[in-house]
Amino acid sequence: MLSAHRGDAASPELQAWAQKITRGVDPAIIVTVEFEADSKTFIVRLLKEPRVLIFRLSASQVHGEGREAECERTLHRKIKDLWNLI
């Protein structure tokens, strides 16, 4: 479980988690996270210079037991996708 909080209250915790991982890989990446109540998903933005990559994590991924590794793999894959944007 990445956060015990729900909805908007979980966004800062999730953002801190994502920043910790991205800084270990590429300190130039900026991360923002916000919760979208309509779809019950967290919108994650990875920004590096003029490039932006946006993806979503579902509430069940963020709040599910034992899904941290899955979320971390997704984040690492998206960081690589950001690097490959032309």
PDB file of N, CA and C in Angstrom:
ATOM      1  N   MET A   1       0.840  -1.167   0.000  1.00  0.00           N
ATOM      2  CA  MET A   1       0.000   0.000   0.000  1.00  0.00           C
ATOM      3  C   MET A   1       0.893   1.241   0.000  1.00  0.00           C
ATOM      4  N   LEU A   2       0.728   2.085  -1.008  1.00  0.00           N
ATOM      5  CA  LEU A   2       1.543   3.285  -1.113  1.00  0.00           C
ATOM      6  C   LEU A   2       1.028   4.406  -0.218  1.00  0.00           C
ATOM      7  N   SER A   3      -0.265   4.378   0.097  1.00  0.00           N
ATOM      8  CA  SER A   3      -0.841   5.395   0.971  1.00  0.00           C
ATOM      9  C   SER A   3      -2.060   4.839   1.673  1.00  0.00           C
ATOM     10  N   ALA A   4      -2.172   5.169   2.946  1.00  0.00           N
ATOM     11  CA  ALA A   4      -3.360   4.788   3.705  1.00  0.00           C
ATOM     12  C   ALA A   4      -4.471   5.816   3.510  1.00  0.00           C
ATOM     13  N   HIS A   5      -4.112   6.992   3.024  1.00  0.00           N
ATOM     14  CA  HIS A   5      -5.099   8.041   2.780  1.00  0.00           C
ATOM     15  C   HIS A   5      -5.845   7.762   1.485  1.00  0.00           C
ATOM     16  N   ARG A   6      -6.995   8.376   1.349  1.00  0.00           N
ATOM     17  CA  ARG A   6      -7.822   8.189   0.155  1.00  0.00           C
ATOM     18  C   ARG A   6      -7.979   9.508  -0.593  1.00  0.00           C
ATOM     19  N   GLY A   7      -8.192   9.404  -1.897  1.00  0.00           N
ATOM     20  CA  GLY A   7      -8.485  10.574  -2.709  1.00  0.00           C
ATOM     21  C   GLY A   7      -7.373  11.605  -2.703  1.00  0.00           C
ATOM     22  N   ASP A   8      -7.778  12.894  -2.661  1.00  0.00           N
ATOM     23  CA  ASP A   8      -6.812  13.994  -2.697  1.00  0.00           C
ATOM     24  C   ASP A   8      -5.797  13.919  -1.570  1.00  0.00           C
ATOM     25  N   ALA A   9      -6.203  13.379  -0.429  1.00  0.00           N
ATOM     26  CA  ALA A   9      -5.299  13.299   0.725  1.00  0.00           C
ATOM     27  C   ALA A   9      -4.102  12.387   0.456  1.00  0.00           C
ATOM     28  N   ALA A  10      -4.234  11.462  -0.486  1.00  0.00           N
ATOM     29  CA  ALA A  10      -3.141  10.541  -0.801  1.00  0.00           C
ATOM     30  C   ALA A  10      -2.147  11.128  -1.807  1.00  0.00           C
ATOM     31  N   SER A  11      -2.537  12.171  -2.522  1.00  0.00           N
ATOM     32  CA  SER A  11      -1.680  12.731  -3.577  1.00  0.00           C
ATOM     33  C   SER A  11      -0.300  13.173  -3.085  1.00  0.00           C
ATOM     34  N   PRO A  12      -0.200  13.937  -1.976  1.00  0.00           N
ATOM     35  CA  PRO A  12       1.141  14.347  -1.524  1.00  0.00           C
ATOM     36  C   PRO A  12       2.043  13.160  -1.156  1.00  0.00           C
ATOM     37  N   GLU A  13       1.453  12.158  -0.539  1.00  0.00           N
ATOM     38  CA  GLU A  13       2.222  10.968  -0.161  1.00  0.00           C
ATOM     39  C   GLU A  13       2.711  10.216  -1.400  1.00  0.00           C
ATOM     40  N   LEU A  14       1.830  10.090  -2.381  1.00  0.00           N
ATOM     41  CA  LEU A  14       2.182   9.409  -3.622  1.00  0.00           C
ATOM     42  C   LEU A  14       3.229  10.218  -4.400  1.00  0.00           C
ATOM     43  N   GLN A  15       3.099  11.531  -4.384  1.00  0.00           N
ATOM     44  CA  GLN A  15       4.071  12.378  -5.062  1.00  0.00           C
ATOM     45  C   GLN A  15       5.447  12.255  -4.412  1.00  0.00           C
ATOM     46  N   ALA A  16       5.497  12.234  -3.092  1.00  0.00           N
ATOM     47  CA  ALA A  16       6.777  12.082  -2.381  1.00  0.00           C
ATOM     48  C   ALA A  16       7.423  10.740  -2.724  1.00  0.00           C
ATOM     49  N   TRP A  17       6.624   9.686  -2.783  1.00  0.00           N
ATOM     50  CA  TRP A  17       7.121   8.358  -3.146  1.00  0.00           C
ATOM     51  C   TRP A  17       7.717   8.387  -4.559  1.00  0.00           C
ATOM     52  N   ALA A  18       6.983   8.984  -5.510  1.00  0.00           N
ATOM     53  CA  ALA A  18       7.433   9.027  -6.906  1.00  0.00           C
ATOM     54  C   ALA A  18       8.686   9.891  -7.046  1.00  0.00           C
ATOM     55  N   GLN A  19       8.758  11.000  -6.310  1.00  0.00           N
ATOM     56  CA  GLN A  19       9.943  11.862  -6.376  1.00  0.00           C
ATOM     57  C   GLN A  19      11.176  11.144  -5.848  1.00  0.00           C
ATOM     58  N   LYS A  20      11.008  10.378  -4.806  1.00  0.00           N
ATOM     59  CA  LYS A  20      12.133   9.625  -4.243  1.00  0.00           C
ATOM     60  C   LYS A  20      12.705   8.665  -5.294  1.00  0.00           C
ATOM     61  N   ILE A  21      11.828   7.985  -5.997  1.00  0.00           N
ATOM     62  CA  ILE A  21      12.276   7.019  -7.012  1.00  0.00           C
ATOM     63  C   ILE A  21      12.897   7.745  -8.205  1.00  0.00           C
ATOM     64  N   THR A  22      12.241   8.794  -8.696  1.00  0.00           N
ATOM     65  CA  THR A  22      12.767   9.477  -9.879  1.00  0.00           C
ATOM     66  C   THR A  22      14.093  10.170  -9.592  1.00  0.00           C
ATOM     67  N   ARG A  23      14.263  10.721  -8.408  1.00  0.00           N
ATOM     68  CA  ARG A  23      15.535  11.376  -8.074  1.00  0.00           C
ATOM     69  C   ARG A  23      16.682  10.381  -8.061  1.00  0.00           C
ATOM     70  N   GLY A  24      16.394   9.143  -7.694  1.00  0.00           N
ATOM     71  CA  GLY A  24      17.426   8.115  -7.707  1.00  0.00           C
ATOM     72  C   GLY A  24      17.837   7.722  -9.118  1.00  0.00           C
ATOM     73  N   VAL A  25      16.932   7.942 -10.071  1.00  0.00           N
ATOM     74  CA  VAL A  25      17.194   7.564 -11.460  1.00  0.00           C
ATOM     75  C   VAL A  25      17.657   8.773 -12.278  1.00  0.00           C
ATOM     76  N   ASP A  26      16.933   9.889 -12.137  1.00  0.00           N
ATOM     77  CA  ASP A  26      17.239  11.098 -12.909  1.00  0.00           C
ATOM     78  C   ASP A  26      16.767  12.315 -12.116  1.00  0.00           C
ATOM     79  N   PRO A  27      17.678  13.005 -11.435  1.00  0.00           N
ATOM     80  CA  PRO A  27      17.300  14.145 -10.589  1.00  0.00           C
ATOM     81  C   PRO A  27      16.651  15.304 -11.350  1.00  0.00           C
ATOM     82  N   ALA A  28      16.756  15.345 -12.660  1.00  0.00           N
ATOM     83  CA  ALA A  28      16.182  16.439 -13.444  1.00  0.00           C
ATOM     84  C   ALA A  28      14.673  16.280 -13.684  1.00  0.00           C
ATOM     85  N   ILE A  29      14.123  15.121 -13.372  1.00  0.00           N
ATOM     86  CA  ILE A  29      12.692  14.883 -13.596  1.00  0.00           C
ATOM     87  C   ILE A  29      11.886  15.501 -12.460  1.00  0.00           C
ATOM     88  N   ILE A  30      10.839  16.217 -12.846  1.00  0.00           N
ATOM     89  CA  ILE A  30       9.896  16.790 -11.890  1.00  0.00           C
ATOM     90  C   ILE A  30       8.633  15.932 -11.920  1.00  0.00           C
ATOM     91  N   VAL A  31       8.081  15.644 -10.741  1.00  0.00           N
ATOM     92  CA  VAL A  31       6.899  14.790 -10.634  1.00  0.00           C
ATOM     93  C   VAL A  31       5.768  15.578  -9.996  1.00  0.00           C
ATOM     94  N   THR A  32       4.577  15.474 -10.574  1.00  0.00           N
ATOM     95  CA  THR A  32       3.377  15.986  -9.929  1.00  0.00           C
ATOM     96  C   THR A  32       2.330  14.876  -9.923  1.00  0.00           C
ATOM     97  N   VAL A  33       1.517  14.871  -8.881  1.00  0.00           N
ATOM     98  CA  VAL A  33       0.459  13.865  -8.758  1.00  0.00           C
ATOM     99  C   VAL A  33      -0.814  14.568  -8.307  1.00  0.00           C
ATOM    100  N   GLU A  34      -1.916  14.237  -8.948  1.00  0.00           N
ATOM    101  CA  GLU A  34      -3.207  14.740  -8.502  1.00  0.00           C
ATOM    102  C   GLU A  34      -4.240  13.634  -8.630  1.00  0.00           C
ATOM    103  N   PHE A  35      -5.282  13.732  -7.833  1.00  0.00           N
ATOM    104  CA  PHE A  35      -6.343  12.723  -7.844  1.00  0.00           C
ATOM    105  C   PHE A  35      -7.502  13.234  -8.670  1.00  0.00           C
ATOM    106  N   GLU A  36      -8.019  12.382  -9.531  1.00  0.00           N
ATOM    107  CA  GLU A  36      -9.206  12.706 -10.319  1.00  0.00           C
ATOM    108  C   GLU A  36     -10.366  11.867  -9.791  1.00  0.00           C
ATOM    109  N   ALA A  37     -11.287  12.533  -9.130  1.00  0.00           N
ATOM    110  CA  ALA A  37     -12.389  11.833  -8.458  1.00  0.00           C
ATOM    111  C   ALA A  37     -13.316  11.123  -9.439  1.00  0.00           C
ATOM    112  N   ASP A  38     -13.543  11.715 -10.617  1.00  0.00           N
ATOM    113  CA  ASP A  38     -14.467  11.106 -11.584  1.00  0.00           C
ATOM    114  C   ASP A  38     -14.045   9.703 -11.986  1.00  0.00           C
ATOM    115  N   SER A  39     -12.752   9.531 -12.216  1.00  0.00           N
ATOM    116  CA  SER A  39     -12.255   8.223 -12.659  1.00  0.00           C
ATOM    117  C   SER A  39     -11.609   7.420 -11.529  1.00  0.00           C
ATOM    118  N   LYS A  40     -11.499   8.049 -10.347  1.00  0.00           N
ATOM    119  CA  LYS A  40     -10.858   7.417  -9.196  1.00  0.00           C
ATOM    120  C   LYS A  40      -9.444   6.945  -9.536  1.00  0.00           C
ATOM    121  N   THR A  41      -8.710   7.835 -10.224  1.00  0.00           N
ATOM    122  CA  THR A  41      -7.326   7.530 -10.581  1.00  0.00           C
ATOM    123  C   THR A  41      -6.423   8.678 -10.167  1.00  0.00           C
ATOM    124  N   PHE A  42      -5.150   8.350 -10.018  1.00  0.00           N
ATOM    125  CA  PHE A  42      -4.136   9.347  -9.731  1.00  0.00           C
ATOM    126  C   PHE A  42      -3.424   9.665 -11.037  1.00  0.00           C
ATOM    127  N   ILE A  43      -3.380  10.933 -11.390  1.00  0.00           N
ATOM    128  CA  ILE A  43      -2.718  11.374 -12.608  1.00  0.00           C
ATOM    129  C   ILE A  43      -1.292  11.754 -12.235  1.00  0.00           C
ATOM    130  N   VAL A  44      -0.345  11.073 -12.838  1.00  0.00           N
ATOM    131  CA  VAL A  44       1.075  11.304 -12.557  1.00  0.00           C
ATOM    132  C   VAL A  44       1.692  11.966 -13.778  1.00  0.00           C
ATOM    133  N   ARG A  45       2.356  13.094 -13.549  1.00  0.00           N
ATOM    134  CA  ARG A  45       3.049  13.803 -14.627  1.00  0.00           C
ATOM    135  C   ARG A  45       4.550  13.752 -14.361  1.00  0.00           C
ATOM    136  N   LEU A  46       5.280  13.341 -15.369  1.00  0.00           N
ATOM    137  CA  LEU A  46       6.744  13.363 -15.322  1.00  0.00           C
ATOM    138  C   LEU A  46       7.183  14.437 -16.302  1.00  0.00           C
ATOM    139  N   LEU A  47       7.956  15.401 -15.818  1.00  0.00           N
ATOM    140  CA  LEU A  47       8.398  16.517 -16.648  1.00  0.00           C
ATOM    141  C   LEU A  47       9.917  16.579 -16.654  1.00  0.00           C
ATOM    142  N   LYS A  48      10.466  16.716 -17.852  1.00  0.00           N
ATOM    143  CA  LYS A  48      11.909  16.917 -17.995  1.00  0.00           C
ATOM    144  C   LYS A  48      12.125  17.813 -19.204  1.00  0.00           C
ATOM    145  N   GLU A  49      12.597  19.027 -18.914  1.00  0.00           N
ATOM    146  CA  GLU A  49      12.809  20.041 -19.936  1.00  0.00           C
ATOM    147  C   GLU A  49      11.508  20.221 -20.725  1.00  0.00           C
ATOM    148  N   PRO A  50      11.495  20.125 -22.056  1.00  0.00           N
ATOM    149  CA  PRO A  50      10.227  20.365 -22.758  1.00  0.00           C
ATOM    150  C   PRO A  50       9.331  19.126 -22.843  1.00  0.00           C
ATOM    151  N   ARG A  51       9.763  18.024 -22.268  1.00  0.00           N
ATOM    152  CA  ARG A  51       9.007  16.776 -22.401  1.00  0.00           C
ATOM    153  C   ARG A  51       8.114  16.542 -21.187  1.00  0.00           C
ATOM    154  N   VAL A  52       6.920  16.029 -21.465  1.00  0.00           N
ATOM    155  CA  VAL A  52       5.967  15.695 -20.409  1.00  0.00           C
ATOM    156  C   VAL A  52       5.361  14.341 -20.732  1.00  0.00           C
ATOM    157  N   LEU A  53       5.318  13.476 -19.748  1.00  0.00           N
ATOM    158  CA  LEU A  53       4.662  12.183 -19.901  1.00  0.00           C
ATOM    159  C   LEU A  53       3.618  12.080 -18.804  1.00  0.00           C
ATOM    160  N   ILE A  54       2.387  11.790 -19.180  1.00  0.00           N
ATOM    161  CA  ILE A  54       1.280  11.694 -18.232  1.00  0.00           C
ATOM    162  C   ILE A  54       0.754  10.269 -18.252  1.00  0.00           C
ATOM    163  N   PHE A  55       0.559   9.711 -17.067  1.00  0.00           N
ATOM    164  CA  PHE A  55      -0.055   8.390 -16.963  1.00  0.00           C
ATOM    165  C   PHE A  55      -0.890   8.325 -15.693  1.00  0.00           C
ATOM    166  N   ARG A  56      -1.645   7.269 -15.558  1.00  0.00           N
ATOM    167  CA  ARG A  56      -2.549   7.120 -14.420  1.00  0.00           C
ATOM    168  C   ARG A  56      -2.218   5.868 -13.622  1.00  0.00           C
ATOM    169  N   LEU A  57      -2.422   5.983 -12.330  1.00  0.00           N
ATOM    170  CA  LEU A  57      -2.416   4.822 -11.445  1.00  0.00           C
ATOM    171  C   LEU A  57      -3.804   4.739 -10.829  1.00  0.00           C
ATOM    172  N   SER A  58      -4.365   3.558 -10.828  1.00  0.00           N
ATOM    173  CA  SER A  58      -5.704   3.399 -10.260  1.00  0.00           C
ATOM    174  C   SER A  58      -5.639   3.426  -8.743  1.00  0.00           C
ATOM    175  N   ALA A  59      -6.769   3.741  -8.141  1.00  0.00           N
ATOM    176  CA  ALA A  59      -6.856   3.741  -6.684  1.00  0.00           C
ATOM    177  C   ALA A  59      -6.545   2.342  -6.140  1.00  0.00           C
ATOM    178  N   SER A  60      -6.958   1.307  -6.856  1.00  0.00           N
ATOM    179  CA  SER A  60      -6.681  -0.049  -6.376  1.00  0.00           C
ATOM    180  C   SER A  60      -5.192  -0.368  -6.420  1.00  0.00           C
ATOM    181  N   GLN A  61      -4.459   0.197  -7.386  1.00  0.00           N
ATOM    182  CA  GLN A  61      -3.000   0.004  -7.415  1.00  0.00           C
ATOM    183  C   GLN A  61      -2.351   0.712  -6.228  1.00  0.00           C
ATOM    184  N   VAL A  62      -2.781   1.918  -5.953  1.00  0.00           N
ATOM    185  CA  VAL A  62      -2.178   2.718  -4.886  1.00  0.00           C
ATOM    186  C   VAL A  62      -2.521   2.178  -3.508  1.00  0.00           C
ATOM    187  N   HIS A  63      -3.747   1.706  -3.341  1.00  0.00           N
ATOM    188  CA  HIS A  63      -4.206   1.277  -2.020  1.00  0.00           C
ATOM    189  C   HIS A  63      -4.173  -0.237  -1.811  1.00  0.00           C
ATOM    190  N   GLY A  64      -3.876  -0.989  -2.849  1.00  0.00           N
ATOM    191  CA  GLY A  64      -3.867  -2.444  -2.736  1.00  0.00           C
ATOM    192  C   GLY A  64      -2.636  -2.970  -2.009  1.00  0.00           C
ATOM    193  N   GLU A  65      -2.858  -3.955  -1.193  1.00  0.00           N
ATOM    194  CA  GLU A  65      -1.741  -4.598  -0.476  1.00  0.00           C
ATOM    195  C   GLU A  65      -0.855  -5.341  -1.471  1.00  0.00           C
ATOM    196  N   GLY A  66       0.445  -5.187  -1.329  1.00  0.00           N
ATOM    197  CA  GLY A  66       1.398  -5.927  -2.147  1.00  0.00           C
ATOM    198  C   GLY A  66       1.532  -5.436  -3.568  1.00  0.00           C
ATOM    199  N   ARG A  67       1.033  -4.234  -3.893  1.00  0.00           N
ATOM    200  CA  ARG A  67       1.112  -3.744  -5.268  1.00  0.00           C
ATOM    201  C   ARG A  67       2.170  -2.658  -5.447  1.00  0.00           C
ATOM    202  N   GLU A  68       2.972  -2.444  -4.389  1.00  0.00           N
ATOM    203  CA  GLU A  68       4.018  -1.423  -4.461  1.00  0.00           C
ATOM    204  C   GLU A  68       5.017  -1.725  -5.563  1.00  0.00           C
ATOM    205  N   ALA A  69       5.422  -2.971  -5.676  1.00  0.00           N
ATOM    206  CA  ALA A  69       6.411  -3.363  -6.692  1.00  0.00           C
ATOM    207  C   ALA A  69       5.862  -3.125  -8.099  1.00  0.00           C
ATOM    208  N   GLU A  70       4.596  -3.419  -8.290  1.00  0.00           N
ATOM    209  CA  GLU A  70       3.964  -3.179  -9.589  1.00  0.00           C
ATOM    210  C   GLU A  70       3.980  -1.686  -9.929  1.00  0.00           C
ATOM    211  N   CYS A  71       3.651  -0.841  -8.961  1.00  0.00           N
ATOM    212  CA  CYS A  71       3.653   0.605  -9.178  1.00  0.00           C
ATOM    213  C   CYS A  71       5.063   1.117  -9.448  1.00  0.00           C
ATOM    214  N   GLU A  72       6.037   0.568  -8.739  1.00  0.00           N
ATOM    215  CA  GLU A  72       7.418   0.992  -8.948  1.00  0.00           C
ATOM    216  C   GLU A  72       7.907   0.593 -10.335  1.00  0.00           C
ATOM    217  N   ARG A  73       7.560  -0.613 -10.782  1.00  0.00           N
ATOM    218  CA  ARG A  73       7.935  -1.044 -12.137  1.00  0.00           C
ATOM    219  C   ARG A  73       7.292  -0.127 -13.183  1.00  0.00           C
ATOM    220  N   THR A  74       6.031   0.220 -12.961  1.00  0.00           N
ATOM    221  CA  THR A  74       5.336   1.114 -13.886  1.00  0.00           C
ATOM    222  C   THR A  74       6.037   2.459 -13.944  1.00  0.00           C
ATOM    223  N   LEU A  75       6.398   3.000 -12.788  1.00  0.00           N
ATOM    224  CA  LEU A  75       7.080   4.292 -12.746  1.00  0.00           C
ATOM    225  C   LEU A  75       8.426   4.227 -13.468  1.00  0.00           C
ATOM    226  N   HIS A  76       9.204   3.189 -13.237  1.00  0.00           N
ATOM    227  CA  HIS A  76      10.494   3.038 -13.928  1.00  0.00           C
ATOM    228  C   HIS A  76      10.297   2.939 -15.438  1.00  0.00           C
ATOM    229  N   ARG A  77       9.280   2.204 -15.869  1.00  0.00           N
ATOM    230  CA  ARG A  77       9.003   2.076 -17.305  1.00  0.00           C
ATOM    231  C   ARG A  77       8.620   3.434 -17.898  1.00  0.00           C
ATOM    232  N   LYS A  78       7.841   4.214 -17.158  1.00  0.00           N
ATOM    233  CA  LYS A  78       7.427   5.529 -17.650  1.00  0.00           C
ATOM    234  C   LYS A  78       8.602   6.507 -17.683  1.00  0.00           C
ATOM    235  N   ILE A  79       9.532   6.388 -16.749  1.00  0.00           N
ATOM    236  CA  ILE A  79      10.744   7.217 -16.784  1.00  0.00           C
ATOM    237  C   ILE A  79      11.519   6.917 -18.070  1.00  0.00           C
ATOM    238  N   LYS A  80      11.668   5.643 -18.402  1.00  0.00           N
ATOM    239  CA  LYS A  80      12.352   5.272 -19.648  1.00  0.00           C
ATOM    240  C   LYS A  80      11.605   5.793 -20.863  1.00  0.00           C
ATOM    241  N   ASP A  81      10.266   5.738 -20.810  1.00  0.00           N
ATOM    242  CA  ASP A  81       9.461   6.273 -21.919  1.00  0.00           C
ATOM    243  C   ASP A  81       9.695   7.772 -22.066  1.00  0.00           C
ATOM    244  N   LEU A  82       9.797   8.481 -20.954  1.00  0.00           N
ATOM    245  CA  LEU A  82      10.057   9.915 -20.985  1.00  0.00           C
ATOM    246  C   LEU A  82      11.405  10.201 -21.648  1.00  0.00           C
ATOM    247  N   TRP A  83      12.423   9.430 -21.307  1.00  0.00           N
ATOM    248  CA  TRP A  83      13.746   9.602 -21.909  1.00  0.00           C
ATOM    249  C   TRP A  83      13.689   9.396 -23.426  1.00  0.00           C
ATOM    250  N   ASN A  84      12.815   8.484 -23.882  1.00  0.00           N
ATOM    251  CA  ASN A  84      12.757   8.136 -25.293  1.00  0.00           C
ATOM    252  C   ASN A  84      11.856   9.049 -26.118  1.00  0.00           C
ATOM    253  N   LEU A  85      11.183   9.992 -25.470  1.00  0.00           N
ATOM    254  CA  LEU A  85      10.345  10.930 -26.227  1.00  0.00           C
ATOM    255  C   LEU A  85      11.236  11.814 -27.090  1.00  0.00           C
ATOM    256  N   ILE A  86      10.808  12.028 -28.279  1.00  0.00           N
ATOM    257  CA  ILE A  86      11.603  12.864 -29.197  1.00  0.00           C
ATOM    258  C   ILE A  86      10.898  14.195 -29.371  1.00  0.00           C
TER     259      ILE A  86
END
